[in-house]
Amino acid sequence: MARLKIRYTRDAVDDLDSIFDYIAEDNRKAAARLLERIENSILKLADKPRLGTVLPTNDLSLVKAGYRRIIVQPYIIFYRIAKDEIFIARILHSKQDWMNLLLENTYEDNS
């Protein structure tokens, strides 16, 4: 399988900005390290897109949409695999109401 392109939704970019800003209030270096861990985990998906697990839910609309997740404690990275791209949908703290936040928007992937 060829290396897939990684694309971020606007929400995912906003999530990263919020994560950095929140942690940087107390420790800028820790915020940078966490973002680096998140980025490295996302980059692995380019070569191994099925690395993450399918989102466990009874909501068939999510299963059909093909959401998967990887965890970079304490954050969950939600993504979808398209034909030749991976769409990073959201990056949410595990204590957030991530199911509702994930369902707030529909992500176009042209697949």
Protein backbone atom coordinates (compact mmCIF):
# COMPACT_ATOMS: atom_id res chain seq x y z
CA MET A 1 0.00 0.00 0.00
CA ALA A 2 1.32 3.43 -0.94
CA ARG A 3 1.90 6.06 1.70
CA LEU A 4 -1.34 7.96 2.30
CA LYS A 5 -1.61 11.72 2.56
CA ILE A 6 -2.70 13.10 5.94
CA ARG A 7 -5.34 15.83 5.96
CA TYR A 8 -6.74 17.63 8.98
CA THR A 9 -10.25 18.99 9.35
CA ARG A 10 -10.58 22.54 10.63
CA ASP A 11 -11.87 21.09 13.92
CA ALA A 12 -8.77 18.92 14.31
CA VAL A 13 -6.49 21.93 13.78
CA ASP A 14 -8.52 23.88 16.33
CA ASP A 15 -8.27 20.93 18.73
CA LEU A 16 -4.46 20.93 18.44
CA ASP A 17 -4.32 24.68 19.02
CA SER A 18 -6.54 24.37 22.10
CA ILE A 19 -4.51 21.48 23.52
CA PHE A 20 -1.28 23.39 23.11
CA ASP A 21 -2.67 26.62 24.56
CA TYR A 22 -4.17 24.89 27.59
CA ILE A 23 -1.04 22.94 28.52
CA ALA A 24 1.34 25.80 27.63
CA GLU A 25 -0.30 27.97 30.29
CA ASP A 26 1.57 25.86 32.86
CA ASN A 27 4.38 24.29 30.86
CA ARG A 28 5.23 25.28 27.29
CA LYS A 29 7.81 22.48 26.89
CA ALA A 30 5.32 19.84 28.01
CA ALA A 31 2.79 21.20 25.50
CA ALA A 32 5.35 20.98 22.69
CA ARG A 33 6.29 17.41 23.69
CA LEU A 34 2.65 16.31 23.72
CA LEU A 35 1.99 17.82 20.29
CA GLU A 36 5.11 16.05 18.99
CA ARG A 37 3.81 12.71 20.37
CA ILE A 38 0.43 13.34 18.73
CA GLU A 39 2.04 14.28 15.41
CA ASN A 40 4.32 11.22 15.43
CA SER A 41 1.35 8.94 16.07
CA ILE A 42 -0.62 10.54 13.24
CA LEU A 43 2.33 10.25 10.84
CA LYS A 44 2.46 6.48 11.47
CA LEU A 45 -1.02 6.28 9.97
CA ALA A 46 0.33 7.33 6.56
CA ASP A 47 2.04 3.93 6.28
CA LYS A 48 -0.29 1.91 8.50
CA PRO A 49 -3.77 3.43 8.22
CA ARG A 50 -5.46 0.51 9.96
CA LEU A 51 -3.27 0.94 13.02
CA GLY A 52 -6.17 2.44 14.95
CA THR A 53 -9.18 0.55 16.14
CA VAL A 54 -12.65 0.90 14.69
CA LEU A 55 -14.77 3.13 16.89
CA PRO A 56 -16.82 0.84 19.12
CA THR A 57 -20.41 2.00 19.06
CA ASN A 58 -23.93 0.86 18.44
CA ASP A 59 -24.49 3.87 16.20
CA LEU A 60 -24.41 2.37 12.71
CA SER A 61 -23.92 5.77 11.11
CA LEU A 62 -20.48 5.96 12.72
CA VAL A 63 -19.57 2.43 11.77
CA LYS A 64 -20.57 3.09 8.16
CA ALA A 65 -18.57 6.30 8.19
CA GLY A 66 -15.51 4.25 9.14
CA TYR A 67 -14.24 6.25 12.08
CA ARG A 68 -11.16 4.81 13.71
CA ARG A 69 -9.15 5.99 16.68
CA ILE A 70 -5.68 5.95 18.11
CA ILE A 71 -4.85 7.00 21.63
CA VAL A 72 -2.08 9.30 22.77
CA GLN A 73 -2.86 9.51 26.47
CA PRO A 74 -4.97 11.31 27.52
CA TYR A 75 -6.13 12.24 23.99
CA ILE A 76 -8.02 10.28 21.37
CA ILE A 77 -7.35 10.94 17.70
CA PHE A 78 -10.35 10.19 15.48
CA TYR A 79 -9.79 9.63 11.79
CA ARG A 80 -11.23 8.14 8.62
CA ILE A 81 -9.48 6.37 5.79
CA ALA A 82 -10.34 7.51 2.27
CA LYS A 83 -9.07 6.19 -1.05
CA ASP A 84 -5.61 7.76 -0.85
CA GLU A 85 -5.88 9.98 2.22
CA ILE A 86 -6.43 9.90 5.93
CA PHE A 87 -8.69 12.55 7.39
CA ILE A 88 -7.97 13.52 10.97
CA ALA A 89 -11.44 14.47 12.21
CA ARG A 90 -10.92 15.43 15.85
CA ILE A 91 -8.35 15.21 18.66
CA LEU A 92 -10.23 15.14 21.94
CA HIS A 93 -9.45 14.56 25.59
CA SER A 94 -10.69 11.17 26.75
CA LYS A 95 -12.79 12.82 29.48
CA GLN A 96 -14.68 15.00 27.01
CA ASP A 97 -18.05 13.96 25.60
CA TRP A 98 -16.20 12.86 22.49
CA MET A 99 -19.09 10.97 20.91
CA ASN A 100 -21.25 14.09 20.71
CA LEU A 101 -18.32 16.27 19.68
CA LEU A 102 -17.43 13.85 16.90
CA LEU A 103 -21.00 13.78 15.62
CA GLU A 104 -21.36 17.58 15.54
CA ASN A 105 -19.94 17.84 12.03
CA THR A 106 -19.89 15.82 8.86
CA TYR A 107 -16.48 15.50 7.28
CA GLU A 108 -16.13 15.44 3.52
CA ASP A 109 -13.53 13.02 2.23
CA ASN A 110 -14.47 12.65 -1.45
CA SER A 111 -14.34 8.86 -1.14
